[in-house]
Protein backbone atom coordinates (compact mmCIF):
# COMPACT_ATOMS: atom_id res chain seq x y z
CA MET A 1 0.00 0.00 0.00
CA ARG A 2 1.37 3.39 -1.07
CA ALA A 3 -0.51 5.75 1.20
CA ALA A 4 -0.96 9.49 1.52
CA ILE A 5 -2.03 11.06 4.82
CA TYR A 6 -4.40 14.01 5.07
CA ALA A 7 -4.76 16.00 8.31
CA ARG A 8 -6.63 19.20 9.13
CA TYR A 9 -7.79 21.31 12.04
CA SER A 10 -10.42 23.99 11.76
CA THR A 11 -9.44 27.29 13.41
CA ASP A 12 -6.48 29.10 14.88
CA LEU A 13 -8.18 28.68 18.28
CA GLN A 14 -7.45 24.95 18.18
CA ASN A 15 -4.15 23.35 19.14
CA PRO A 16 -1.78 23.01 16.15
CA ALA A 17 -0.57 19.76 17.75
CA SER A 18 -3.88 18.32 16.55
CA ILE A 19 -2.37 17.85 13.10
CA GLU A 20 0.71 16.09 14.51
CA ASP A 21 -1.55 13.76 16.49
CA GLN A 22 -3.59 12.94 13.38
CA ILE A 23 -0.45 12.21 11.37
CA ARG A 24 0.99 10.01 14.12
CA ILE A 25 -2.02 7.70 14.42
CA CYS A 26 -2.40 7.50 10.64
CA GLU A 27 1.26 6.50 10.27
CA GLU A 28 0.75 3.81 12.90
CA GLN A 29 -2.16 2.46 10.87
CA ILE A 30 -0.08 2.42 7.67
CA ARG A 31 2.87 0.65 9.33
CA GLY A 32 0.51 -1.88 10.87
CA THR A 33 -0.74 -2.90 7.42
CA GLY A 34 2.77 -3.05 5.91
CA GLY A 35 2.28 0.02 3.78
CA THR A 36 4.47 3.01 2.98
CA THR A 37 3.73 6.68 3.59
CA VAL A 38 4.36 8.44 0.28
CA GLN A 39 3.27 11.98 1.15
CA ILE A 40 1.61 13.96 3.96
CA TYR A 41 -0.87 16.75 3.17
CA THR A 42 -2.11 19.23 5.77
CA ASP A 43 -4.40 22.25 6.07
CA ALA A 44 -3.95 24.21 9.30
CA ALA A 45 -6.58 26.57 10.74
CA ILE A 46 -8.85 26.11 7.72
CA SER A 47 -12.54 25.23 7.89
CA GLY A 48 -13.80 21.99 6.40
CA GLY A 49 -16.80 23.80 4.92
CA SER A 50 -15.16 24.29 1.50
CA MET A 51 -12.47 22.42 -0.43
CA LYS A 52 -11.60 25.37 -2.67
CA THR A 53 -9.79 27.27 0.09
CA ARG A 54 -7.58 24.34 1.17
CA PRO A 55 -4.24 24.12 -0.69
CA GLY A 56 -3.29 20.86 1.04
CA LEU A 57 -6.39 19.06 -0.18
CA GLN A 58 -6.03 20.54 -3.67
CA ALA A 59 -2.44 19.24 -3.84
CA LEU A 60 -3.60 15.80 -2.68
CA LEU A 61 -6.21 15.58 -5.45
CA ALA A 62 -3.69 16.73 -8.06
CA ASP A 63 -1.15 14.10 -6.98
CA ALA A 64 -3.85 11.42 -6.82
CA SER A 65 -4.65 12.05 -10.49
CA GLN A 66 -0.97 11.40 -11.30
CA GLY A 67 -0.94 8.03 -9.53
CA ARG A 68 1.51 8.96 -6.78
CA PHE A 69 -0.34 6.79 -4.23
CA ASP A 70 -3.17 4.26 -4.12
CA THR A 71 -4.70 5.04 -0.70
CA VAL A 72 -5.59 8.17 1.26
CA ILE A 73 -5.64 7.83 5.07
CA ALA A 74 -7.36 10.35 7.38
CA GLU A 75 -8.45 10.30 11.01
CA ALA A 76 -12.15 10.70 10.14
CA LEU A 77 -14.32 11.70 7.21
CA ASP A 78 -15.02 15.14 8.70
CA ARG A 79 -11.27 15.90 8.51
CA VAL A 80 -11.52 15.54 4.73
CA SER A 81 -14.64 17.69 4.41
CA ARG A 82 -17.89 18.56 6.17
CA ASP A 83 -19.60 19.80 3.02
CA GLN A 84 -21.93 17.33 1.30
CA GLU A 85 -21.12 18.47 -2.22
CA ASP A 86 -17.38 18.61 -1.59
CA ILE A 87 -17.05 15.21 0.06
CA ALA A 88 -18.98 13.60 -2.79
CA GLY A 89 -16.73 15.34 -5.32
CA ILE A 90 -13.56 14.33 -3.50
CA TYR A 91 -14.72 10.71 -3.31
CA LYS A 92 -15.63 10.73 -7.01
CA ARG A 93 -12.22 12.12 -8.01
CA LEU A 94 -10.35 9.58 -5.89
CA GLN A 95 -12.42 6.73 -7.30
CA TYR A 96 -11.65 7.89 -10.83
CA ALA A 97 -7.92 7.89 -10.00
CA ASP A 98 -8.22 4.36 -8.50
CA VAL A 99 -7.34 5.71 -5.06
CA GLN A 100 -9.04 4.25 -1.99
CA LEU A 101 -10.20 6.54 0.83
CA VAL A 102 -9.75 5.08 4.31
CA THR A 103 -10.39 6.73 7.70
CA LEU A 104 -9.55 5.43 11.15
CA ALA A 105 -13.10 6.15 12.32
CA GLU A 106 -15.10 4.72 9.42
CA GLY A 107 -12.69 2.24 7.79
CA VAL A 108 -12.82 1.92 4.00
CA VAL A 109 -15.12 4.71 2.84
CA SER A 110 -17.97 3.76 0.52
CA GLU A 111 -20.95 5.53 -1.05
CA LEU A 112 -22.93 4.76 2.09
CA HIS A 113 -20.48 6.72 4.25
CA ILE A 114 -20.49 9.60 1.79
CA GLY A 115 -24.28 9.84 1.92
CA LEU A 116 -24.88 9.31 5.64
CA LYS A 117 -21.77 10.86 7.21
CA GLY A 118 -21.78 13.69 4.68
CA THR A 119 -25.32 14.59 5.76
CA MET A 120 -24.43 14.28 9.46
CA ASN A 121 -21.35 16.50 9.07
CA ALA A 122 -23.35 19.14 7.19
CA LEU A 123 -26.00 19.11 9.92
CA PHE A 124 -23.23 19.46 12.52
CA LEU A 125 -21.96 22.62 10.82
CA LYS A 126 -25.47 24.07 10.68
CA ASP A 127 -26.15 23.23 14.33
CA LEU A 128 -22.78 24.66 15.39
CA ALA A 129 -23.53 27.93 13.55
CA GLN A 130 -26.93 28.23 15.25
CA LYS A 131 -25.47 27.60 18.72
CA THR A 132 -22.68 30.10 18.10
CA ARG A 133 -25.15 32.78 17.00
CA ARG A 134 -27.36 32.07 20.01
CA GLY A 135 -24.38 32.54 22.31
CA LEU A 136 -23.35 35.76 20.56
CA ARG A 137 -26.87 37.13 20.81
CA GLY A 138 -26.86 36.54 24.57
CA ARG A 139 -23.60 38.50 24.87
CA VAL A 140 -24.94 41.38 22.77
CA GLU A 141 -28.10 41.63 24.87
CA GLN A 142 -25.82 42.06 27.89
CA GLY A 143 -24.10 44.98 26.15
CA LEU A 144 -20.97 42.98 25.30
CA SER A 145 -19.25 42.63 21.94
CA GLY A 146 -20.70 40.14 19.47
CA GLY A 147 -17.45 40.00 17.51
CA GLY A 148 -15.15 42.59 15.98
CA ASN A 149 -14.54 46.11 17.21
CA SER A 150 -15.26 49.65 16.04
CA TYR A 151 -12.93 52.59 15.64
CA GLY A 152 -12.95 54.61 18.85
CA TYR A 153 -12.96 51.64 21.23
CA ARG A 154 -10.56 49.06 22.61
CA VAL A 155 -11.14 45.67 24.20
CA VAL A 156 -10.83 45.60 28.00
CA ARG A 157 -8.36 43.05 29.33
CA ARG A 158 -9.01 42.18 32.97
CA LEU A 159 -9.57 39.25 35.32
CA LEU A 160 -12.90 38.61 36.96
CA ALA A 161 -13.35 37.70 40.65
CA ASP A 162 -13.33 33.99 39.83
CA GLY A 163 -9.97 34.29 38.02
CA THR A 164 -11.34 34.00 34.49
CA ALA A 165 -10.64 36.62 31.79
CA ALA A 166 -13.36 39.15 30.95
CA THR A 167 -14.56 38.91 27.36
CA GLY A 168 -16.55 41.28 25.19
CA GLU A 169 -16.02 44.41 27.30
CA ARG A 170 -14.97 47.64 25.57
CA GLU A 171 -13.99 51.15 26.54
CA ILE A 172 -13.57 54.44 24.68
CA VAL A 173 -10.16 55.43 23.27
CA PRO A 174 -10.02 59.22 23.99
CA ALA A 175 -7.75 60.15 21.05
CA GLU A 176 -9.91 58.27 18.55
CA ALA A 177 -13.09 59.67 20.13
CA GLU A 178 -11.80 63.18 19.37
CA VAL A 179 -11.35 62.24 15.70
CA ILE A 180 -14.91 60.85 15.59
CA ALA A 181 -16.29 64.03 17.15
CA ARG A 182 -14.32 66.12 14.64
CA ILE A 183 -15.75 64.12 11.71
CA PHE A 184 -19.34 64.62 12.87
CA LEU A 185 -18.90 68.32 13.65
CA GLU A 186 -17.27 69.05 10.28
CA TYR A 187 -19.90 67.03 8.43
CA VAL A 188 -22.88 68.82 10.01
CA SER A 189 -21.15 72.14 9.32
CA GLY A 190 -21.26 71.38 5.60
CA ARG A 191 -17.91 69.78 4.77
CA SER A 192 -18.03 66.77 2.45
CA ALA A 193 -16.65 63.37 3.45
CA ARG A 194 -13.85 63.79 0.91
CA LYS A 195 -12.74 67.12 2.37
CA ILE A 196 -12.93 65.70 5.90
CA ALA A 197 -10.74 62.75 4.85
CA ALA A 198 -8.26 65.10 3.17
CA GLY A 199 -8.03 67.20 6.34
CA LEU A 200 -7.44 64.17 8.56
CA ASN A 201 -4.71 62.91 6.23
CA ARG A 202 -3.12 66.37 6.12
CA ASP A 203 -3.07 66.53 9.92
CA GLY A 204 -1.52 63.06 10.23
CA PHE A 205 -4.37 61.13 11.85
CA PRO A 206 -4.18 57.41 10.97
CA SER A 207 -7.34 55.75 9.65
CA PRO A 208 -9.01 52.80 11.45
CA ARG A 209 -6.70 50.42 9.57
CA GLY A 210 -3.62 52.57 10.03
CA GLY A 211 -3.36 54.03 6.51
CA ASP A 212 -4.90 57.07 4.86
CA TRP A 213 -8.49 58.12 5.40
CA ASN A 214 -10.86 58.07 2.43
CA ALA A 215 -14.41 59.25 1.93
CA SER A 216 -15.95 55.75 1.99
CA THR A 217 -14.51 55.10 5.47
CA ILE A 218 -16.45 58.14 6.67
CA HIS A 219 -19.79 57.94 4.88
CA GLY A 220 -19.91 54.12 4.50
CA SER A 221 -22.86 52.28 2.94
CA ARG A 222 -26.48 53.28 3.48
CA GLN A 223 -27.67 49.70 3.03
CA ARG A 224 -25.13 48.01 5.33
CA ARG A 225 -25.07 50.86 7.85
CA ASN A 226 -21.27 50.86 8.12
CA GLY A 227 -18.82 53.76 8.09
CA ILE A 228 -18.17 56.38 10.78
CA LEU A 229 -21.32 58.42 10.11
CA ASN A 230 -23.59 55.34 10.28
CA ASN A 231 -22.19 53.69 13.40
CA GLU A 232 -24.88 53.86 16.09
CA MET A 233 -22.37 52.75 18.72
CA TYR A 234 -21.28 56.40 18.84
CA ILE A 235 -24.66 57.33 20.35
CA GLY A 236 -24.56 54.44 22.84
CA ARG A 237 -26.58 51.95 20.79
CA LEU A 238 -25.14 48.52 19.98
CA VAL A 239 -26.67 47.02 16.80
CA TRP A 240 -25.91 43.39 15.97
CA ASN A 241 -26.94 40.98 13.19
CA ARG A 242 -27.19 43.61 10.46
CA GLN A 243 -25.63 41.16 8.01
CA ARG A 244 -24.78 37.50 7.64
CA PHE A 245 -22.12 35.69 5.64
CA VAL A 246 -22.65 32.85 3.21
CA LYS A 247 -20.06 30.88 1.26
CA ASP A 248 -20.00 31.14 -2.49
CA PRO A 249 -20.22 27.51 -3.71
CA ASP A 250 -18.02 28.30 -6.72
CA SER A 251 -15.16 30.23 -5.08
CA GLY A 252 -15.47 29.08 -1.46
CA LYS A 253 -15.20 32.72 -0.33
CA ARG A 254 -17.54 34.35 2.17
CA ARG A 255 -20.06 36.87 0.83
CA SER A 256 -22.02 39.25 3.03
CA ARG A 257 -25.80 39.60 2.82
CA VAL A 258 -27.84 42.33 4.52
CA ASN A 259 -30.42 40.98 7.00
CA PRO A 260 -33.94 42.46 7.24
CA ALA A 261 -34.10 45.31 9.77
CA GLY A 262 -36.55 43.25 11.86
CA ASP A 263 -33.77 40.71 12.56
CA TRP A 264 -31.38 43.30 13.97
CA ILE A 265 -30.64 43.11 17.70
CA THR A 266 -30.28 46.48 19.45
CA THR A 267 -28.98 47.09 22.99
CA ASP A 268 -28.32 50.41 24.76
CA VAL A 269 -24.71 50.90 25.92
CA PRO A 270 -24.68 54.46 27.32
CA ASP A 271 -21.11 54.14 28.65
CA LEU A 272 -19.85 53.93 25.07
CA ARG A 273 -21.55 57.10 23.77
CA ILE A 274 -19.28 59.58 21.96
CA ILE A 275 -21.73 61.77 19.93
CA ASP A 276 -24.77 63.61 21.29
CA ASP A 277 -28.23 62.97 19.81
CA ASP A 278 -28.57 66.41 18.24
CA THR A 279 -25.35 66.10 16.24
CA TRP A 280 -26.26 62.57 15.23
CA GLN A 281 -29.70 63.57 13.95
CA LYS A 282 -28.28 66.48 11.93
CA ALA A 283 -25.72 64.16 10.32
CA GLN A 284 -28.37 61.59 9.39
CA ALA A 285 -30.63 64.29 7.93
CA LEU A 286 -27.77 65.51 5.73
CA LYS A 287 -26.96 61.98 4.59
CA SER A 288 -30.59 61.34 3.67
CA ARG A 289 -30.73 64.55 1.67
CA TYR A 290 -27.56 63.72 -0.28
CA ALA A 291 -28.75 60.14 -0.86
CA SER A 292 -31.90 61.39 -2.59
CA HIS A 293 -29.97 63.27 -5.27
CA ALA A 294 -30.31 61.65 -8.69
CA GLY A 295 -26.65 62.31 -9.40
CA ASN A 296 -25.61 59.71 -6.83
CA LYS A 297 -26.52 56.79 -9.06
CA ARG A 298 -23.60 54.39 -9.42
CA GLN A 299 -22.07 53.18 -12.67
CA THR A 300 -23.26 49.57 -13.03
CA LYS A 301 -21.95 48.59 -16.48
CA LYS A 302 -18.32 47.59 -16.40
CA ARG A 303 -16.17 49.68 -18.71
CA LEU A 304 -13.43 48.38 -20.95
CA LEU A 305 -10.57 49.84 -18.89
CA THR A 306 -12.03 49.60 -15.38
CA GLY A 307 -9.21 49.10 -12.87
CA LEU A 308 -6.48 49.65 -15.48
CA VAL A 309 -6.37 53.46 -15.65
CA LYS A 310 -3.73 54.83 -13.25
CA CYS A 311 -2.79 58.33 -12.19
CA GLY A 312 0.58 59.34 -13.61
CA CYS A 313 1.29 61.49 -10.54
CA CYS A 314 0.73 59.07 -7.64
CA GLY A 315 0.26 55.70 -9.35
CA GLY A 316 -3.16 55.18 -7.77
CA ASN A 317 -6.38 54.23 -9.49
CA MET A 318 -8.39 56.67 -11.56
CA THR A 319 -12.15 56.17 -11.26
CA ILE A 320 -15.24 57.43 -13.06
CA ALA A 321 -16.80 60.65 -11.79
CA ARG A 322 -18.53 63.74 -13.12
CA LYS A 323 -20.18 62.66 -16.37
CA ASP A 324 -18.06 59.64 -17.32
CA ARG A 325 -14.61 61.11 -16.79
CA TYR A 326 -11.66 59.44 -15.07
CA TYR A 327 -10.14 61.31 -12.11
CA CYS A 328 -7.50 60.35 -9.55
CA ALA A 329 -9.27 58.47 -6.74
CA ALA A 330 -6.56 59.39 -4.22
CA ARG A 331 -7.19 63.09 -4.83
CA ARG A 332 -10.98 62.76 -4.71
CA GLU A 333 -11.24 60.34 -1.77
CA LYS A 334 -8.18 61.16 0.34
CA GLY A 335 -6.78 64.48 -0.82
CA THR A 336 -3.29 62.97 -0.98
CA CYS A 337 -2.57 63.65 -4.68
CA GLU A 338 -2.18 66.92 -6.58
CA ALA A 339 -3.46 65.61 -9.94
CA ALA A 340 -6.30 67.95 -10.88
CA PHE A 341 -6.70 66.73 -14.47
CA GLY A 342 -9.21 64.19 -15.80
CA ILE A 343 -9.95 62.45 -19.07
CA ALA A 344 -13.20 61.34 -20.68
CA ALA A 345 -13.73 57.58 -20.51
CA ALA A 346 -14.68 57.40 -24.18
CA GLU A 347 -11.55 59.34 -25.17
CA VAL A 348 -9.10 57.10 -23.32
CA GLU A 349 -10.85 53.96 -24.60
CA ASN A 350 -10.70 55.19 -28.21
CA ARG A 351 -7.06 56.19 -27.91
CA VAL A 352 -6.11 52.82 -26.45
CA LEU A 353 -8.06 50.84 -29.07
CA ASP A 354 -6.60 52.94 -31.87
CA GLY A 355 -3.10 52.46 -30.50
CA LEU A 356 -3.54 48.69 -30.22
CA ARG A 357 -4.87 48.46 -33.77
CA ARG A 358 -1.90 50.41 -35.13
CA ILE A 359 0.55 48.21 -33.23
CA LEU A 360 -1.07 44.91 -34.08
CA VAL A 361 -2.26 45.53 -37.65
CA GLY A 362 -0.40 48.52 -39.10
CA ASN A 363 3.08 46.94 -39.17
CA ASP A 364 3.27 44.30 -41.94
CA ALA A 365 6.89 43.49 -41.19
CA LEU A 366 6.05 42.91 -37.53
CA ILE A 367 3.15 40.57 -38.38
CA ALA A 368 5.27 38.60 -40.86
CA GLU A 369 8.09 38.26 -38.36
CA PHE A 370 5.69 37.31 -35.59
CA THR A 371 4.01 34.69 -37.83
CA THR A 372 7.38 33.16 -38.69
CA GLU A 373 8.46 33.04 -35.07
CA LEU A 374 5.12 31.60 -33.95
CA LYS A 375 5.38 28.83 -36.53
CA ALA A 376 8.94 28.08 -35.42
CA GLU A 377 7.89 28.02 -31.76
CA LEU A 378 5.03 25.60 -32.45
CA GLY A 379 7.50 23.36 -34.29
CA ARG A 380 9.93 23.53 -31.39
CA LEU A 381 7.20 22.59 -28.90
CA LYS A 382 6.17 19.65 -31.07
CA LYS A 383 9.76 18.36 -31.22
CA ALA A 384 10.18 18.86 -27.48
CA ARG A 385 7.01 16.86 -26.87
CA GLN A 386 8.23 14.00 -29.05
CA SER A 387 11.60 14.07 -27.30
CA THR A 388 9.91 13.96 -23.89
CA GLN A 389 7.85 10.95 -24.94
CA ARG A 390 11.01 9.15 -26.09
CA ASP A 391 12.70 9.94 -22.77
CA PHE A 392 9.68 8.60 -20.86
CA THR A 393 9.68 5.41 -22.94
CA LYS A 394 13.41 4.84 -22.33
CA GLU A 395 13.17 5.53 -18.60
CA LEU A 396 10.11 3.29 -18.28
CA ALA A 397 12.01 0.41 -19.90
CA ASP A 398 14.92 0.92 -17.43
CA VAL A 399 12.53 1.00 -14.46
CA GLU A 400 10.69 -2.14 -15.60
CA ARG A 401 14.02 -3.98 -15.99
CA GLY A 402 14.97 -2.92 -12.46
CA ILE A 403 11.63 -4.13 -11.09
CA ALA A 404 12.04 -7.46 -12.89
CA ARG A 405 15.53 -7.96 -11.40
CA LEU A 406 14.33 -7.22 -7.86
CA ILE A 407 11.32 -9.53 -8.20
CA SER A 408 13.63 -12.28 -9.49
CA PHE A 409 15.91 -11.76 -6.50
CA ILE A 410 13.01 -11.85 -4.02
CA THR A 411 11.51 -15.00 -5.54
CA SER A 412 14.87 -16.82 -5.74
CA GLY A 413 14.43 -18.03 -2.18
CA ASP A 414 17.43 -16.22 -0.71
CA GLY A 415 15.18 -13.88 1.27
CA ALA A 416 14.46 -10.24 0.73
CA PRO A 417 16.05 -7.66 3.05
CA GLU A 418 14.16 -4.48 3.85
CA SER A 419 16.44 -2.43 1.57
CA VAL A 420 15.44 -4.56 -1.44
CA ARG A 421 11.74 -4.18 -0.68
CA SER A 422 12.20 -0.44 -0.20
CA GLU A 423 13.98 -0.12 -3.56
CA LEU A 424 11.18 -2.11 -5.23
CA THR A 425 8.59 0.27 -3.78
CA LYS A 426 10.52 3.27 -5.09
CA LEU A 427 10.74 1.77 -8.59
CA GLU A 428 7.02 0.99 -8.61
CA ASP A 429 6.26 4.56 -7.53
CA ARG A 430 8.50 5.86 -10.30
CA LYS A 431 6.79 3.62 -12.85
CA ALA A 432 3.35 4.89 -11.82
CA HIS A 433 4.59 8.48 -12.08
CA ILE A 434 6.04 7.92 -15.58
CA LEU A 435 2.83 6.27 -16.80
CA ALA A 436 0.78 9.19 -15.46
CA GLN A 437 3.09 11.69 -17.18
CA GLN A 438 2.87 9.77 -20.46
CA LYS A 439 -0.92 9.72 -20.24
CA ARG A 440 -1.13 13.44 -19.52
CA THR A 441 1.26 14.29 -22.37
CA ALA A 442 -0.62 12.02 -24.77
CA ILE A 443 -3.98 13.72 -24.19
CA SER A 444 -2.60 17.28 -24.45
CA PRO A 445 -3.98 18.91 -27.61
CA VAL A 446 -1.60 19.40 -30.53
CA VAL A 447 -1.68 22.98 -31.87
CA ASP A 448 -1.32 23.19 -35.65
CA PHE A 449 -0.37 26.37 -37.47
CA HIS A 450 -3.11 27.79 -39.72
CA PRO A 451 -1.70 28.59 -43.20
CA ASN A 452 -3.69 31.84 -43.39
CA TYR A 453 -2.88 32.93 -39.84
CA ALA A 454 -1.72 36.46 -40.73
CA GLU A 455 -4.99 37.39 -42.47
CA LEU A 456 -7.10 35.86 -39.72
CA TYR A 457 -5.06 37.83 -37.21
CA ARG A 458 -5.62 41.13 -39.04
CA LYS A 459 -9.34 40.47 -39.33
CA LYS A 460 -9.80 39.66 -35.63
CA VAL A 461 -7.86 42.71 -34.43
CA SER A 462 -9.69 45.03 -36.85
CA GLU A 463 -13.03 43.83 -35.44
CA LEU A 464 -12.22 44.80 -31.85
CA ALA A 465 -14.50 47.84 -31.75
CA LEU A 466 -17.32 45.92 -33.47
CA LEU A 467 -17.07 43.06 -30.98
CA LEU A 468 -17.19 45.51 -28.08
CA SER A 469 -20.47 46.97 -29.33
CA GLY A 470 -22.28 43.60 -29.40
CA GLU A 471 -23.92 42.37 -26.20
CA ASP A 472 -23.09 38.72 -26.98
CA THR A 473 -19.43 39.35 -27.77
CA ARG A 474 -18.63 42.30 -25.46
CA GLU A 475 -17.49 40.24 -22.45
CA GLU A 476 -15.15 38.04 -24.48
CA ALA A 477 -13.75 41.01 -26.40
CA MET A 478 -13.14 42.95 -23.18
CA THR A 479 -11.28 39.99 -21.69
CA SER A 480 -9.06 39.68 -24.76
CA ILE A 481 -8.22 43.39 -24.88
CA ARG A 482 -7.61 43.66 -21.14
CA SER A 483 -5.18 40.72 -21.33
CA LEU A 484 -2.95 42.91 -23.55
CA VAL A 485 -2.89 45.80 -21.09
CA ASP A 486 -1.15 45.90 -17.73
CA ARG A 487 -2.03 49.53 -16.94
CA ILE A 488 -2.75 52.87 -18.61
CA GLU A 489 -0.99 55.86 -17.07
CA VAL A 490 -2.58 59.29 -17.55
CA ARG A 491 -0.62 62.52 -17.07
CA ALA A 492 -1.31 66.19 -17.71
CA GLY A 493 -0.24 67.31 -21.18
CA ILE A 494 1.93 70.31 -22.05
CA LYS A 495 -1.07 72.45 -22.90
CA ARG A 496 -3.94 73.13 -20.53
CA GLY A 497 -6.78 70.62 -20.94
CA GLU A 498 -4.61 68.05 -22.76
CA THR A 499 -3.56 64.67 -21.37
CA ASP A 500 -0.85 62.18 -22.31
CA VAL A 501 -1.69 58.48 -22.12
CA THR A 502 0.98 55.83 -21.64
CA LEU A 503 -0.10 52.25 -22.26
CA VAL A 504 1.95 49.59 -20.49
CA GLY A 505 1.19 46.08 -21.74
CA ALA A 506 2.37 42.53 -22.28
CA LEU A 507 3.15 42.86 -26.01
CA ALA A 508 6.88 43.43 -25.62
CA GLY A 509 7.71 40.05 -27.18
CA ILE A 510 5.71 40.84 -30.33
CA LEU A 511 7.22 44.31 -30.59
CA ALA A 512 10.74 42.96 -30.13
CA LEU A 513 10.14 40.50 -32.98
CA GLY A 514 9.17 43.32 -35.32
CA THR A 515 11.97 45.70 -34.38
CA ASN A 516 14.91 44.12 -32.58
CA LYS A 517 14.89 40.51 -31.45
CA ASN A 518 17.43 41.18 -28.74
CA ALA A 519 15.61 44.20 -27.31
CA THR A 520 14.99 44.13 -23.60
CA PRO A 521 11.69 45.90 -22.82
CA GLU A 522 11.64 48.39 -20.00
CA GLY A 523 10.11 46.97 -16.82
CA GLY A 524 10.95 43.34 -17.65
CA GLY A 525 8.51 42.20 -20.29
CA THR A 526 6.39 45.30 -20.83
CA PHE A 527 6.27 47.94 -23.51
CA LEU A 528 5.49 51.60 -23.38
CA LEU A 529 3.26 53.17 -26.00
CA VAL A 530 2.98 56.94 -25.87
CA ALA A 531 -0.45 57.92 -27.21
CA GLY A 532 -0.75 61.54 -26.16
CA VAL A 533 -1.32 64.74 -28.05
CA GLY A 534 1.58 65.34 -30.46
CA PHE A 535 2.80 61.74 -30.32
CA GLU A 536 2.21 58.93 -32.78
CA PRO A 537 0.71 55.80 -31.14
CA THR A 538 3.51 53.73 -32.68
CA THR A 539 6.26 55.46 -30.69
CA PHE A 540 7.81 52.83 -28.41
CA ARG A 541 10.50 52.96 -25.74
CA LEU A 542 12.11 49.54 -25.56
């Protein structure tokens, strides 16, 4: 038996020695059956509720598909997964790879275990969540913390009369309370959240997370009731259960969902009040008035260059504001950048698309050179693949001869020392690995070079703008274009109202083919295209 061990513990509140204990008893089981431990996989302080967030388990499944072992040993089925869908998927993948799943608690795992224990483990998680929430609710109704902490407060560390540590108690941090009071007073006096953030950054006050303040930290979200101006703790009112978290079944990541207001739990904590009721009410009235303005509607359709446009002054993101124009977010939200210029979204998109078309289509010599090099590279890859297959075949023959010699020695009647058996196990493992590599290489698709590639290439690039205008093709076209662009830097031009756009992308290899094969692009694999006023979009700095 060539066995792999899997061990896991759930949270950083548990003892890390738990994993060592699981490994120890699994190794004892393997030795007792005369097997060999090939590999040990672990996931520390990671929940069993999703397999997608566990690198150890992902590595185990990948190695299982390559035939590195024939058995997986774990302490219990809930160590592998507590999710019904995941445990069924894991079992199915192991069965496909001819790998047996064995646990010390259940023995050899079958479909019956997957169905019954998978359901029981899922119910355990649900019951545990309900009990945890019930306990947290009891603490909140006593005025204690239900988890997390707000800016302006710190957790109290003290011992109770019975010697146990106090939990959930908080007290006001005077310095942070002064900042909170300043924010409210400036807001009700008419200053915007952006100007307040800029003032706090200018005066050197660290934000709740230690960095710069921005407007969203102050005004928060109306729906989720977060942010400084929405936090009812500042008027001595503790609100709990405003939102819940659910796991995305595709990514395994937690996503927040707003709970109905009727499910919120509210408790008065007068000792934690920082803001008086009058100031609070004025601030909420102002927020409601601003929220009703039609101009506050958010951009919902993703633009072609979203997240790629950067400020040439500070390097930060530029975001849409004021009638579809890009402006420096650091200047608008934090007041930490001096870039006062902006650029229309349509203008920067058109300039980038035009520049890409000129690079990719307008240079016949570049396309011819690129086509030649691509054809040569595909030929090289094909030869390398054939060479690899020959090497695998030769090595497999050597390994099989070695296995045959060792089996002949063992069966000759002279006995078989442990070193011989160990060497036989290693050769068998190597044989399984070679066969898996051969299989994977054999099923890899062979890419053939299209004889009319250059014309197809020109046609596809020329249709970029058309593809972007179609609802069915827009998403795919955006993905293709964005893959060519690392970032777009925008700077003020020489003349007032003009802007220079620098496109930094991953096309340096293509450009080097068309100009100078030995060119080393600036920035290690990027190219710079200057597409500003007075510059041709085909001006490169390599």
